[in-house]
PDB file of N, CA and C in Angstrom:
ATOM      1  N   MET A   1     -30.042 -29.044-205.131  1.00  0.00           N
ATOM      2  CA  MET A   1     -28.989 -28.048-205.248  1.00  0.00           C
ATOM      3  C   MET A   1     -27.648 -28.889-204.781  1.00  0.00           C
ATOM      4  N   THR A   2     -26.615 -28.802-205.715  1.00  0.00           N
ATOM      5  CA  THR A   2     -25.455 -29.491-205.416  1.00  0.00           C
ATOM      6  C   THR A   2     -24.457 -28.537-204.741  1.00  0.00           C
ATOM      7  N   LYS A   3     -23.623 -29.093-203.792  1.00  0.00           N
ATOM      8  CA  LYS A   3     -22.693 -28.359-203.141  1.00  0.00           C
ATOM      9  C   LYS A   3     -21.299 -28.418-203.887  1.00  0.00           C
ATOM     10  N   VAL A   4     -20.789 -27.292-204.244  1.00  0.00           N
ATOM     11  CA  VAL A   4     -19.451 -27.328-204.948  1.00  0.00           C
ATOM     12  C   VAL A   4     -18.358 -27.140-203.942  1.00  0.00           C
ATOM     13  N   ALA A   5     -17.412 -28.058-204.037  1.00  0.00           N
ATOM     14  CA  ALA A   5     -16.249 -28.137-203.096  1.00  0.00           C
ATOM     15  C   ALA A   5     -15.175 -27.082-203.548  1.00  0.00           C
ATOM     16  N   LYS A   6     -14.542 -26.508-202.610  1.00  0.00           N
ATOM     17  CA  LYS A   6     -13.571 -25.390-202.993  1.00  0.00           C
ATOM     18  C   LYS A   6     -12.262 -26.165-203.497  1.00  0.00           C
ATOM     19  N   ASN A   7     -11.536 -25.715-204.383  1.00  0.00           N
ATOM     20  CA  ASN A   7     -10.302 -26.363-204.814  1.00  0.00           C
ATOM     21  C   ASN A   7      -9.066 -25.805-203.991  1.00  0.00           C
ATOM     22  N   GLY A   8      -7.956 -26.378-204.254  1.00  0.00           N
ATOM     23  CA  GLY A   8      -6.752 -25.993-203.442  1.00  0.00           C
ATOM     24  C   GLY A   8      -6.354 -24.561-203.652  1.00  0.00           C
ATOM     25  N   LEU A   9      -6.528 -23.998-204.902  1.00  0.00           N
ATOM     26  CA  LEU A   9      -6.110 -22.614-205.080  1.00  0.00           C
ATOM     27  C   LEU A   9      -6.949 -21.636-204.224  1.00  0.00           C
ATOM     28  N   GLU A  10      -8.228 -21.928-204.213  1.00  0.00           N
ATOM     29  CA  GLU A  10      -9.146 -21.028-203.444  1.00  0.00           C
ATOM     30  C   GLU A  10      -8.696 -21.101-201.919  1.00  0.00           C
ATOM     31  N   TRP A  11      -8.415 -22.287-201.450  1.00  0.00           N
ATOM     32  CA  TRP A  11      -7.960 -22.283-200.019  1.00  0.00           C
ATOM     33  C   TRP A  11      -6.659 -21.644-199.780  1.00  0.00           C
ATOM     34  N   THR A  12      -5.706 -21.738-200.683  1.00  0.00           N
ATOM     35  CA  THR A  12      -4.438 -21.032-200.693  1.00  0.00           C
ATOM     36  C   THR A  12      -4.623 -19.514-200.686  1.00  0.00           C
ATOM     37  N   VAL A  13      -5.445 -19.006-201.575  1.00  0.00           N
ATOM     38  CA  VAL A  13      -5.691 -17.684-201.599  1.00  0.00           C
ATOM     39  C   VAL A  13      -6.323 -17.134-200.325  1.00  0.00           C
ATOM     40  N   PHE A  14      -7.388 -17.815-199.802  1.00  0.00           N
ATOM     41  CA  PHE A  14      -7.999 -17.480-198.555  1.00  0.00           C
ATOM     42  C   PHE A  14      -6.981 -17.404-197.298  1.00  0.00           C
ATOM     43  N   ALA A  15      -6.064 -18.494-197.226  1.00  0.00           N
ATOM     44  CA  ALA A  15      -5.150 -18.524-196.238  1.00  0.00           C
ATOM     45  C   ALA A  15      -4.165 -17.413-196.327  1.00  0.00           C
ATOM     46  N   LEU A  16      -3.625 -17.008-197.503  1.00  0.00           N
ATOM     47  CA  LEU A  16      -2.705 -15.985-197.712  1.00  0.00           C
ATOM     48  C   LEU A  16      -3.394 -14.682-197.302  1.00  0.00           C
ATOM     49  N   SER A  17      -4.528 -14.465-197.787  1.00  0.00           N
ATOM     50  CA  SER A  17      -5.409 -13.156-197.437  1.00  0.00           C
ATOM     51  C   SER A  17      -5.539 -13.039-196.004  1.00  0.00           C
ATOM     52  N   LEU A  18      -5.928 -14.106-195.289  1.00  0.00           N
ATOM     53  CA  LEU A  18      -6.132 -14.096-193.915  1.00  0.00           C
ATOM     54  C   LEU A  18      -4.919 -13.768-193.140  1.00  0.00           C
ATOM     55  N   VAL A  19      -3.665 -14.385-193.539  1.00  0.00           N
ATOM     56  CA  VAL A  19      -2.421 -14.039-192.845  1.00  0.00           C
ATOM     57  C   VAL A  19      -1.972 -12.627-193.105  1.00  0.00           C
ATOM     58  N   LEU A  20      -2.216 -12.034-194.285  1.00  0.00           N
ATOM     59  CA  LEU A  20      -1.891 -10.643-194.572  1.00  0.00           C
ATOM     60  C   LEU A  20      -2.767  -9.683-193.762  1.00  0.00           C
ATOM     61  N   VAL A  21      -4.068  -9.954-193.608  1.00  0.00           N
ATOM     62  CA  VAL A  21      -4.982  -9.138-192.902  1.00  0.00           C
ATOM     63  C   VAL A  21      -4.542  -9.213-191.354  1.00  0.00           C
ATOM     64  N   LEU A  22      -4.298 -10.302-190.906  1.00  0.00           N
ATOM     65  CA  LEU A  22      -3.961 -10.425-189.453  1.00  0.00           C
ATOM     66  C   LEU A  22      -2.594  -9.808-189.089  1.00  0.00           C
ATOM     67  N   ALA A  23      -1.691 -10.006-190.101  1.00  0.00           N
ATOM     68  CA  ALA A  23      -0.325  -9.273-189.925  1.00  0.00           C
ATOM     69  C   ALA A  23      -0.491  -7.770-189.834  1.00  0.00           C
ATOM     70  N   THR A  24      -1.283  -7.223-190.766  1.00  0.00           N
ATOM     71  CA  THR A  24      -1.563  -5.815-190.726  1.00  0.00           C
ATOM     72  C   THR A  24      -2.164  -5.312-189.521  1.00  0.00           C
ATOM     73  N   LEU A  25      -3.238  -5.912-189.115  1.00  0.00           N
ATOM     74  CA  LEU A  25      -3.930  -5.642-187.755  1.00  0.00           C
ATOM     75  C   LEU A  25      -2.823  -5.724-186.623  1.00  0.00           C
ATOM     76  N   GLY A  26      -2.132  -6.718-186.537  1.00  0.00           N
ATOM     77  CA  GLY A  26      -1.081  -6.840-185.532  1.00  0.00           C
ATOM     78  C   GLY A  26      -0.027  -5.673-185.514  1.00  0.00           C
ATOM     79  N   PHE A  27       0.363  -5.374-186.691  1.00  0.00           N
ATOM     80  CA  PHE A  27       1.395  -4.247-186.844  1.00  0.00           C
ATOM     81  C   PHE A  27       0.801  -3.004-186.372  1.00  0.00           C
ATOM     82  N   LEU A  28      -0.468  -2.682-186.769  1.00  0.00           N
ATOM     83  CA  LEU A  28      -1.101  -1.466-186.344  1.00  0.00           C
ATOM     84  C   LEU A  28      -1.282  -1.476-184.843  1.00  0.00           C
ATOM     85  N   ALA A  29      -1.684  -2.475-184.301  1.00  0.00           N
ATOM     86  CA  ALA A  29      -1.865  -2.577-182.726  1.00  0.00           C
ATOM     87  C   ALA A  29      -0.597  -2.376-182.067  1.00  0.00           C
ATOM     88  N   LEU A  30       0.491  -2.893-182.571  1.00  0.00           N
ATOM     89  CA  LEU A  30       1.845  -2.866-182.050  1.00  0.00           C
ATOM     90  C   LEU A  30       2.290  -1.376-182.080  1.00  0.00           C
ATOM     91  N   GLN A  31       2.093  -0.669-183.202  1.00  0.00           N
ATOM     92  CA  GLN A  31       2.399   0.662-183.334  1.00  0.00           C
ATOM     93  C   GLN A  31       1.656   1.558-182.365  1.00  0.00           C
ATOM     94  N   MET A  32       0.463   1.332-182.159  1.00  0.00           N
ATOM     95  CA  MET A  32      -0.380   2.102-181.259  1.00  0.00           C
ATOM     96  C   MET A  32       0.182   1.944-179.841  1.00  0.00           C
ATOM     97  N   VAL A  33       0.498   0.706-179.388  1.00  0.00           N
ATOM     98  CA  VAL A  33       0.917   0.412-178.020  1.00  0.00           C
ATOM     99  C   VAL A  33       2.307   1.004-177.877  1.00  0.00           C
ATOM    100  N   LYS A  34       3.224   0.822-178.856  1.00  0.00           N
ATOM    101  CA  LYS A  34       4.617   1.285-178.723  1.00  0.00           C
ATOM    102  C   LYS A  34       4.735   2.772-178.901  1.00  0.00           C
ATOM    103  N   SER A  35       3.825   3.494-179.496  1.00  0.00           N
ATOM    104  CA  SER A  35       3.979   4.852-179.733  1.00  0.00           C
ATOM    105  C   SER A  35       4.096   5.612-178.463  1.00  0.00           C
ATOM    106  N   GLU A  36       5.159   6.421-178.408  1.00  0.00           N
ATOM    107  CA  GLU A  36       5.409   7.340-177.082  1.00  0.00           C
ATOM    108  C   GLU A  36       4.563   8.643-177.239  1.00  0.00           C
ATOM    109  N   ALA A  37       3.874   8.930-176.254  1.00  0.00           N
ATOM    110  CA  ALA A  37       3.196  10.175-176.215  1.00  0.00           C
ATOM    111  C   ALA A  37       4.073  11.351-176.092  1.00  0.00           C
ATOM    112  N   GLY A  38       3.821  12.410-176.727  1.00  0.00           N
ATOM    113  CA  GLY A  38       4.738  13.610-176.575  1.00  0.00           C
ATOM    114  C   GLY A  38       4.156  14.778-177.377  1.00  0.00           C
ATOM    115  N   PRO A  39       4.573  15.905-177.163  1.00  0.00           N
ATOM    116  CA  PRO A  39       4.066  17.037-177.901  1.00  0.00           C
ATOM    117  C   PRO A  39       4.723  17.146-179.382  1.00  0.00           C
ATOM    118  N   PRO A  40       3.974  17.877-180.196  1.00  0.00           N
ATOM    119  CA  PRO A  40       4.619  18.115-181.520  1.00  0.00           C
ATOM    120  C   PRO A  40       5.976  18.861-181.449  1.00  0.00           C
ATOM    121  N   ASP A  41       6.902  18.676-182.272  1.00  0.00           N
ATOM    122  CA  ASP A  41       8.127  19.386-182.311  1.00  0.00           C
ATOM    123  C   ASP A  41       8.289  19.828-183.770  1.00  0.00           C
ATOM    124  N   ILE A  42       8.073  21.104-183.902  1.00  0.00           N
ATOM    125  CA  ILE A  42       7.958  21.753-185.187  1.00  0.00           C
ATOM    126  C   ILE A  42       9.302  22.452-185.613  1.00  0.00           C
ATOM    127  N   VAL A  43       9.799  22.083-186.764  1.00  0.00           N
ATOM    128  CA  VAL A  43      11.046  22.619-187.268  1.00  0.00           C
ATOM    129  C   VAL A  43      10.732  23.465-188.524  1.00  0.00           C
ATOM    130  N   VAL A  44      11.202  24.656-188.567  1.00  0.00           N
ATOM    131  CA  VAL A  44      10.969  25.483-189.796  1.00  0.00           C
ATOM    132  C   VAL A  44      12.174  25.824-190.579  1.00  0.00           C
ATOM    133  N   ARG A  45      12.218  25.647-191.870  1.00  0.00           N
ATOM    134  CA  ARG A  45      13.373  26.016-192.701  1.00  0.00           C
ATOM    135  C   ARG A  45      12.887  26.961-193.757  1.00  0.00           C
ATOM    136  N   LEU A  46      13.587  28.154-193.914  1.00  0.00           N
ATOM    137  CA  LEU A  46      13.286  29.047-194.954  1.00  0.00           C
ATOM    138  C   LEU A  46      14.188  28.990-196.130  1.00  0.00           C
ATOM    139  N   GLY A  47      13.629  28.983-197.300  1.00  0.00           N
ATOM    140  CA  GLY A  47      14.415  28.950-198.603  1.00  0.00           C
ATOM    141  C   GLY A  47      14.883  30.234-198.994  1.00  0.00           C
ATOM    142  N   ASP A  48      15.413  30.227-200.220  1.00  0.00           N
ATOM    143  CA  ASP A  48      15.833  31.542-200.883  1.00  0.00           C
ATOM    144  C   ASP A  48      14.763  32.327-201.516  1.00  0.00           C
ATOM    145  N   PRO A  49      14.586  33.607-201.307  1.00  0.00           N
ATOM    146  CA  PRO A  49      13.631  34.249-201.963  1.00  0.00           C
ATOM    147  C   PRO A  49      13.502  34.357-203.388  1.00  0.00           C
ATOM    148  N   LEU A  50      12.263  34.318-203.952  1.00  0.00           N
ATOM    149  CA  LEU A  50      12.143  34.158-205.321  1.00  0.00           C
ATOM    150  C   LEU A  50      11.386  35.573-205.806  1.00  0.00           C
ATOM    151  N   PRO A  51      11.976  36.305-206.688  1.00  0.00           N
ATOM    152  CA  PRO A  51      11.368  37.576-207.087  1.00  0.00           C
ATOM    153  C   PRO A  51      10.087  37.192-207.950  1.00  0.00           C
ATOM    154  N   THR A  52       8.939  38.055-207.813  1.00  0.00           N
ATOM    155  CA  THR A  52       7.748  37.806-208.488  1.00  0.00           C
ATOM    156  C   THR A  52       7.318  39.272-208.967  1.00  0.00           C
ATOM    157  N   ARG A  53       6.350  39.439-209.750  1.00  0.00           N
ATOM    158  CA  ARG A  53       5.789  40.722-210.180  1.00  0.00           C
ATOM    159  C   ARG A  53       5.388  41.636-209.010  1.00  0.00           C
ATOM    160  N   ASN A  54       4.751  40.922-207.889  1.00  0.00           N
ATOM    161  CA  ASN A  54       4.368  41.679-206.799  1.00  0.00           C
ATOM    162  C   ASN A  54       5.251  41.731-205.675  1.00  0.00           C
ATOM    163  N   GLY A  55       6.367  41.336-205.739  1.00  0.00           N
ATOM    164  CA  GLY A  55       7.312  41.322-204.438  1.00  0.00           C
ATOM    165  C   GLY A  55       8.212  40.056-204.582  1.00  0.00           C
ATOM    166  N   TYR A  56       8.255  39.359-203.481  1.00  0.00           N
ATOM    167  CA  TYR A  56       9.139  38.248-203.291  1.00  0.00           C
ATOM    168  C   TYR A  56       8.465  37.163-202.552  1.00  0.00           C
ATOM    169  N   LEU A  57       8.572  35.899-202.984  1.00  0.00           N
ATOM    170  CA  LEU A  57       8.190  34.802-202.312  1.00  0.00           C
ATOM    171  C   LEU A  57       9.284  34.027-201.644  1.00  0.00           C
ATOM    172  N   VAL A  58       9.045  33.591-200.418  1.00  0.00           N
ATOM    173  CA  VAL A  58      10.045  32.851-199.683  1.00  0.00           C
ATOM    174  C   VAL A  58       9.491  31.536-199.359  1.00  0.00           C
ATOM    175  N   PRO A  59      10.132  30.487-199.805  1.00  0.00           N
ATOM    176  CA  PRO A  59       9.621  29.064-199.499  1.00  0.00           C
ATOM    177  C   PRO A  59       9.807  28.766-198.113  1.00  0.00           C
ATOM    178  N   VAL A  60       8.835  28.043-197.490  1.00  0.00           N
ATOM    179  CA  VAL A  60       8.894  27.688-196.142  1.00  0.00           C
ATOM    180  C   VAL A  60       8.625  26.171-196.051  1.00  0.00           C
ATOM    181  N   GLU A  61       9.575  25.425-195.421  1.00  0.00           N
ATOM    182  CA  GLU A  61       9.435  23.949-195.117  1.00  0.00           C
ATOM    183  C   GLU A  61       9.135  23.760-193.689  1.00  0.00           C
ATOM    184  N   VAL A  62       8.049  23.120-193.360  1.00  0.00           N
ATOM    185  CA  VAL A  62       7.692  22.966-191.994  1.00  0.00           C
ATOM    186  C   VAL A  62       7.643  21.348-191.774  1.00  0.00           C
ATOM    187  N   THR A  63       8.358  20.944-190.659  1.00  0.00           N
ATOM    188  CA  THR A  63       8.477  19.533-190.407  1.00  0.00           C
ATOM    189  C   THR A  63       8.025  19.276-188.942  1.00  0.00           C
ATOM    190  N   ASN A  64       7.247  18.226-188.674  1.00  0.00           N
ATOM    191  CA  ASN A  64       6.959  17.879-187.330  1.00  0.00           C
ATOM    192  C   ASN A  64       7.699  16.638-186.996  1.00  0.00           C
ATOM    193  N   VAL A  65       8.686  16.743-186.134  1.00  0.00           N
ATOM    194  CA  VAL A  65       9.604  15.665-185.761  1.00  0.00           C
ATOM    195  C   VAL A  65       9.150  15.117-184.367  1.00  0.00           C
ATOM    196  N   GLY A  66       7.969  15.703-183.862  1.00  0.00           N
ATOM    197  CA  GLY A  66       7.512  15.201-182.618  1.00  0.00           C
ATOM    198  C   GLY A  66       6.691  13.985-182.710  1.00  0.00           C
ATOM    199  N   ARG A  67       6.012  13.648-181.629  1.00  0.00           N
ATOM    200  CA  ARG A  67       5.315  12.309-181.489  1.00  0.00           C
ATOM    201  C   ARG A  67       3.794  12.508-181.592  1.00  0.00           C
ATOM    202  N   SER A  68       3.233  13.672-181.841  1.00  0.00           N
ATOM    203  CA  SER A  68       1.853  13.823-182.120  1.00  0.00           C
ATOM    204  C   SER A  68       1.596  14.909-183.087  1.00  0.00           C
ATOM    205  N   THR A  69       0.291  14.909-183.512  1.00  0.00           N
ATOM    206  CA  THR A  69      -0.085  15.930-184.581  1.00  0.00           C
ATOM    207  C   THR A  69      -0.358  17.275-183.999  1.00  0.00           C
ATOM    208  N   ALA A  70      -0.026  18.278-184.744  1.00  0.00           N
ATOM    209  CA  ALA A  70      -0.407  19.667-184.426  1.00  0.00           C
ATOM    210  C   ALA A  70      -1.407  20.192-185.319  1.00  0.00           C
ATOM    211  N   GLU A  71      -2.501  20.828-184.818  1.00  0.00           N
ATOM    212  CA  GLU A  71      -3.445  21.427-185.650  1.00  0.00           C
ATOM    213  C   GLU A  71      -3.417  22.980-185.639  1.00  0.00           C
ATOM    214  N   ASP A  72      -3.998  23.546-186.713  1.00  0.00           N
ATOM    215  CA  ASP A  72      -4.138  24.942-186.821  1.00  0.00           C
ATOM    216  C   ASP A  72      -2.761  25.668-186.482  1.00  0.00           C
ATOM    217  N   VAL A  73      -1.696  25.238-187.232  1.00  0.00           N
ATOM    218  CA  VAL A  73      -0.301  25.737-187.038  1.00  0.00           C
ATOM    219  C   VAL A  73      -0.205  27.062-187.602  1.00  0.00           C
ATOM    220  N   LYS A  74       0.348  28.009-186.915  1.00  0.00           N
ATOM    221  CA  LYS A  74       0.613  29.386-187.319  1.00  0.00           C
ATOM    222  C   LYS A  74       2.108  29.659-187.252  1.00  0.00           C
ATOM    223  N   ILE A  75       2.709  29.930-188.472  1.00  0.00           N
ATOM    224  CA  ILE A  75       4.126  30.296-188.391  1.00  0.00           C
ATOM    225  C   ILE A  75       4.390  31.671-188.929  1.00  0.00           C
ATOM    226  N   PRO A  76       4.729  32.648-188.088  1.00  0.00           N
ATOM    227  CA  PRO A  76       4.956  33.997-188.490  1.00  0.00           C
ATOM    228  C   PRO A  76       6.383  34.071-188.992  1.00  0.00           C
ATOM    229  N   VAL A  77       6.574  34.747-190.102  1.00  0.00           N
ATOM    230  CA  VAL A  77       7.895  35.084-190.565  1.00  0.00           C
ATOM    231  C   VAL A  77       8.015  36.575-190.698  1.00  0.00           C
ATOM    232  N   VAL A  78       9.072  37.182-190.165  1.00  0.00           N
ATOM    233  CA  VAL A  78       9.291  38.545-190.074  1.00  0.00           C
ATOM    234  C   VAL A  78      10.467  38.954-190.892  1.00  0.00           C
ATOM    235  N   LEU A  79      10.396  39.974-191.696  1.00  0.00           N
ATOM    236  CA  LEU A  79      11.614  40.588-192.444  1.00  0.00           C
ATOM    237  C   LEU A  79      12.004  41.796-191.755  1.00  0.00           C
ATOM    238  N   GLU A  80      13.151  41.798-191.173  1.00  0.00           N
ATOM    239  CA  GLU A  80      13.731  42.993-190.387  1.00  0.00           C
ATOM    240  C   GLU A  80      14.758  43.597-191.301  1.00  0.00           C
ATOM    241  N   LEU A  81      14.233  44.922-191.700  1.00  0.00           N
ATOM    242  CA  LEU A  81      15.104  45.655-192.675  1.00  0.00           C
ATOM    243  C   LEU A  81      16.201  46.442-191.921  1.00  0.00           C
ATOM    244  N   ALA A  82      17.275  46.824-192.578  1.00  0.00           N
ATOM    245  CA  ALA A  82      18.360  47.584-191.929  1.00  0.00           C
ATOM    246  C   ALA A  82      17.961  48.905-191.424  1.00  0.00           C
ATOM    247  N   ASP A  83      16.959  49.496-192.033  1.00  0.00           N
ATOM    248  CA  ASP A  83      16.454  50.923-191.500  1.00  0.00           C
ATOM    249  C   ASP A  83      15.522  50.754-190.324  1.00  0.00           C
ATOM    250  N   GLY A  84      15.263  49.538-189.801  1.00  0.00           N
ATOM    251  CA  GLY A  84      14.489  49.359-188.686  1.00  0.00           C
ATOM    252  C   GLY A  84      13.002  48.966-188.944  1.00  0.00           C
ATOM    253  N   GLU A  85      12.704  49.101-190.180  1.00  0.00           N
ATOM    254  CA  GLU A  85      11.235  48.651-190.629  1.00  0.00           C
ATOM    255  C   GLU A  85      11.115  47.221-190.508  1.00  0.00           C
ATOM    256  N   ARG A  86       9.928  46.759-190.315  1.00  0.00           N
ATOM    257  CA  ARG A  86       9.633  45.271-190.316  1.00  0.00           C
ATOM    258  C   ARG A  86       8.416  45.011-191.203  1.00  0.00           C
ATOM    259  N   GLU A  87       8.494  43.896-191.899  1.00  0.00           N
ATOM    260  CA  GLU A  87       7.361  43.437-192.710  1.00  0.00           C
ATOM    261  C   GLU A  87       7.054  41.985-192.177  1.00  0.00           C
ATOM    262  N   GLU A  88       5.839  41.687-191.920  1.00  0.00           N
ATOM    263  CA  GLU A  88       5.376  40.444-191.335  1.00  0.00           C
ATOM    264  C   GLU A  88       4.425  39.580-192.341  1.00  0.00           C
ATOM    265  N   ALA A  89       4.642  38.275-192.288  1.00  0.00           N
ATOM    266  CA  ALA A  89       3.897  37.304-193.077  1.00  0.00           C
ATOM    267  C   ALA A  89       3.555  36.216-192.189  1.00  0.00           C
ATOM    268  N   GLU A  90       2.501  35.422-192.525  1.00  0.00           N
ATOM    269  CA  GLU A  90       2.201  34.283-191.719  1.00  0.00           C
ATOM    270  C   GLU A  90       1.744  33.079-192.634  1.00  0.00           C
ATOM    271  N   LEU A  91       2.245  31.967-192.359  1.00  0.00           N
ATOM    272  CA  LEU A  91       1.884  30.730-193.027  1.00  0.00           C
ATOM    273  C   LEU A  91       0.941  29.891-192.075  1.00  0.00           C
ATOM    274  N   ASP A  92      -0.234  29.547-192.408  1.00  0.00           N
ATOM    275  CA  ASP A  92      -1.137  28.738-191.677  1.00  0.00           C
ATOM    276  C   ASP A  92      -1.274  27.369-192.211  1.00  0.00           C
ATOM    277  N   LEU A  93      -1.271  26.435-191.388  1.00  0.00           N
ATOM    278  CA  LEU A  93      -1.444  24.940-191.848  1.00  0.00           C
ATOM    279  C   LEU A  93      -2.484  24.387-191.001  1.00  0.00           C
ATOM    280  N   ALA A  94      -3.423  23.734-191.719  1.00  0.00           N
ATOM    281  CA  ALA A  94      -4.671  23.100-191.036  1.00  0.00           C
ATOM    282  C   ALA A  94      -4.178  22.074-190.008  1.00  0.00           C
ATOM    283  N   PHE A  95      -3.233  21.221-190.406  1.00  0.00           N
ATOM    284  CA  PHE A  95      -2.778  20.147-189.565  1.00  0.00           C
ATOM    285  C   PHE A  95      -1.417  19.628-189.968  1.00  0.00           C
ATOM    286  N   LEU A  96      -0.560  19.194-189.061  1.00  0.00           N
ATOM    287  CA  LEU A  96       0.842  18.730-189.336  1.00  0.00           C
ATOM    288  C   LEU A  96       0.925  17.443-188.581  1.00  0.00           C
ATOM    289  N   PRO A  97       0.678  16.248-189.236  1.00  0.00           N
ATOM    290  CA  PRO A  97       0.880  15.031-188.505  1.00  0.00           C
ATOM    291  C   PRO A  97       2.347  14.695-188.122  1.00  0.00           C
ATOM    292  N   ARG A  98       2.504  13.842-187.158  1.00  0.00           N
ATOM    293  CA  ARG A  98       3.832  13.488-186.690  1.00  0.00           C
ATOM    294  C   ARG A  98       4.646  12.909-187.835  1.00  0.00           C
ATOM    295  N   ASP A  99       5.917  13.149-187.831  1.00  0.00           N
ATOM    296  CA  ASP A  99       6.916  12.728-188.841  1.00  0.00           C
ATOM    297  C   ASP A  99       6.440  13.072-190.224  1.00  0.00           C
ATOM    298  N   SER A 100       5.981  14.377-190.418  1.00  0.00           N
ATOM    299  CA  SER A 100       5.518  14.781-191.765  1.00  0.00           C
ATOM    300  C   SER A 100       6.161  16.130-192.050  1.00  0.00           C
ATOM    301  N   ARG A 101       5.968  16.480-193.392  1.00  0.00           N
ATOM    302  CA  ARG A 101       6.549  17.677-193.851  1.00  0.00           C
ATOM    303  C   ARG A 101       5.568  18.384-194.792  1.00  0.00           C
ATOM    304  N   ARG A 102       5.388  19.699-194.614  1.00  0.00           N
ATOM    305  CA  ARG A 102       4.573  20.557-195.475  1.00  0.00           C
ATOM    306  C   ARG A 102       5.431  21.742-196.114  1.00  0.00           C
ATOM    307  N   ASN A 103       5.057  22.127-197.333  1.00  0.00           N
ATOM    308  CA  ASN A 103       5.701  23.158-197.948  1.00  0.00           C
ATOM    309  C   ASN A 103       4.672  24.343-198.259  1.00  0.00           C
ATOM    310  N   GLY A 104       5.201  25.503-198.176  1.00  0.00           N
ATOM    311  CA  GLY A 104       4.326  26.673-198.501  1.00  0.00           C
ATOM    312  C   GLY A 104       5.255  27.843-198.849  1.00  0.00           C
ATOM    313  N   TYR A 105       4.540  29.109-198.925  1.00  0.00           N
ATOM    314  CA  TYR A 105       5.341  30.316-199.302  1.00  0.00           C
ATOM    315  C   TYR A 105       4.743  31.352-198.525  1.00  0.00           C
ATOM    316  N   VAL A 106       5.631  32.332-198.134  1.00  0.00           N
ATOM    317  CA  VAL A 106       5.111  33.688-197.665  1.00  0.00           C
ATOM    318  C   VAL A 106       5.573  34.690-198.526  1.00  0.00           C
ATOM    319  N   SER A 107       4.936  35.833-198.660  1.00  0.00           N
ATOM    320  CA  SER A 107       5.269  36.931-199.625  1.00  0.00           C
ATOM    321  C   SER A 107       5.720  38.218-198.782  1.00  0.00           C
ATOM    322  N   PHE A 108       6.603  38.883-199.506  1.00  0.00           N
ATOM    323  CA  PHE A 108       7.016  40.196-198.982  1.00  0.00           C
ATOM    324  C   PHE A 108       7.025  41.217-200.080  1.00  0.00           C
ATOM    325  N   ARG A 109       6.798  42.520-199.816  1.00  0.00           N
ATOM    326  CA  ARG A 109       6.889  43.530-200.772  1.00  0.00           C
ATOM    327  C   ARG A 109       8.412  43.941-200.995  1.00  0.00           C
ATOM    328  N   GLU A 110       9.138  43.963-199.862  1.00  0.00           N
ATOM    329  CA  GLU A 110      10.521  44.364-199.894  1.00  0.00           C
ATOM    330  C   GLU A 110      11.388  43.132-200.129  1.00  0.00           C
ATOM    331  N   ASP A 111      12.604  43.385-200.793  1.00  0.00           N
ATOM    332  CA  ASP A 111      13.527  42.229-201.018  1.00  0.00           C
ATOM    333  C   ASP A 111      14.192  41.697-199.691  1.00  0.00           C
ATOM    334  N   PRO A 112      13.950  40.502-199.339  1.00  0.00           N
ATOM    335  CA  PRO A 112      14.396  39.848-198.179  1.00  0.00           C
ATOM    336  C   PRO A 112      15.921  39.892-198.207  1.00  0.00           C
ATOM    337  N   GLY A 113      16.645  40.021-199.359  1.00  0.00           N
ATOM    338  CA  GLY A 113      18.115  40.068-199.366  1.00  0.00           C
ATOM    339  C   GLY A 113      18.616  41.288-198.678  1.00  0.00           C
ATOM    340  N   ARG A 114      17.720  42.377-198.546  1.00  0.00           N
ATOM    341  CA  ARG A 114      18.153  43.562-197.897  1.00  0.00           C
ATOM    342  C   ARG A 114      18.123  43.603-196.462  1.00  0.00           C
ATOM    343  N   GLY A 115      17.525  42.499-195.927  1.00  0.00           N
ATOM    344  CA  GLY A 115      17.366  42.405-194.447  1.00  0.00           C
ATOM    345  C   GLY A 115      17.550  41.034-193.949  1.00  0.00           C
ATOM    346  N   THR A 116      17.017  40.700-192.788  1.00  0.00           N
ATOM    347  CA  THR A 116      17.046  39.394-192.127  1.00  0.00           C
ATOM    348  C   THR A 116      15.661  38.774-191.918  1.00  0.00           C
ATOM    349  N   LEU A 117      15.552  37.587-192.325  1.00  0.00           N
ATOM    350  CA  LEU A 117      14.312  36.793-192.094  1.00  0.00           C
ATOM    351  C   LEU A 117      14.437  36.106-190.810  1.00  0.00           C
ATOM    352  N   VAL A 118      13.290  36.242-190.025  1.00  0.00           N
ATOM    353  CA  VAL A 118      13.291  35.539-188.744  1.00  0.00           C
ATOM    354  C   VAL A 118      11.899  34.839-188.606  1.00  0.00           C
ATOM    355  N   VAL A 119      11.984  33.635-188.084  1.00  0.00           N
ATOM    356  CA  VAL A 119      10.729  32.949-187.726  1.00  0.00           C
ATOM    357  C   VAL A 119      10.350  33.247-186.392  1.00  0.00           C
ATOM    358  N   GLY A 120       9.062  33.784-186.250  1.00  0.00           N
ATOM    359  CA  GLY A 120       8.588  34.160-184.981  1.00  0.00           C
ATOM    360  C   GLY A 120       8.092  32.995-184.058  1.00  0.00           C
ATOM    361  N   ALA A 121       7.346  33.225-182.966  1.00  0.00           N
ATOM    362  CA  ALA A 121       6.913  32.205-182.173  1.00  0.00           C
ATOM    363  C   ALA A 121       5.774  31.389-182.886  1.00  0.00           C
ATOM    364  N   ILE A 122       5.913  30.057-182.886  1.00  0.00           N
ATOM    365  CA  ILE A 122       5.089  29.178-183.541  1.00  0.00           C
ATOM    366  C   ILE A 122       3.877  28.874-182.637  1.00  0.00           C
ATOM    367  N   ALA A 123       2.667  28.901-183.006  1.00  0.00           N
ATOM    368  CA  ALA A 123       1.508  28.441-182.296  1.00  0.00           C
ATOM    369  C   ALA A 123       0.823  27.365-182.948  1.00  0.00           C
ATOM    370  N   PHE A 124       0.178  26.475-182.183  1.00  0.00           N
ATOM    371  CA  PHE A 124      -0.531  25.283-182.692  1.00  0.00           C
ATOM    372  C   PHE A 124      -1.441  24.726-181.604  1.00  0.00           C
ATOM    373  N   GLU A 125      -2.477  23.978-182.096  1.00  0.00           N
ATOM    374  CA  GLU A 125      -3.273  23.176-180.973  1.00  0.00           C
ATOM    375  C   GLU A 125      -2.873  21.721-181.135  1.00  0.00           C
ATOM    376  N   VAL A 126      -3.101  21.048-179.996  1.00  0.00           N
ATOM    377  CA  VAL A 126      -2.838  19.654-179.934  1.00  0.00           C
ATOM    378  C   VAL A 126      -4.343  19.028-179.887  1.00  0.00           C
ATOM    379  N   PRO A 127      -4.709  18.129-180.811  1.00  0.00           N
ATOM    380  CA  PRO A 127      -5.985  17.429-180.813  1.00  0.00           C
ATOM    381  C   PRO A 127      -6.156  16.575-179.583  1.00  0.00           C
TER     382      PRO A 127
END
């Protein structure tokens, strides 16, 4: 059985691959060490209502600007009408990683333009 020697191209590809893998591992380790611990910081933005056959949809944009992931996020949105009536909806997100954004919708039977939309107290778990 004869031994085949590696040529220069094979060694170059091997060296380049090794450098890329080590650089990636170093970057990930540095990010882990450097990352500051802290709670999630959830920001909610409501969009303009969209009329549908069954009522109105309100776009909801949820952003986590905090330093950790939030799980089982519950975002209540309340429509307070001028006559004192209230209509409530809730957007649930399974998880919201740090520095991420999720979009969803909540629906209302009444026209949100006739009242005021308010985001209630946000609840979440920290893994």
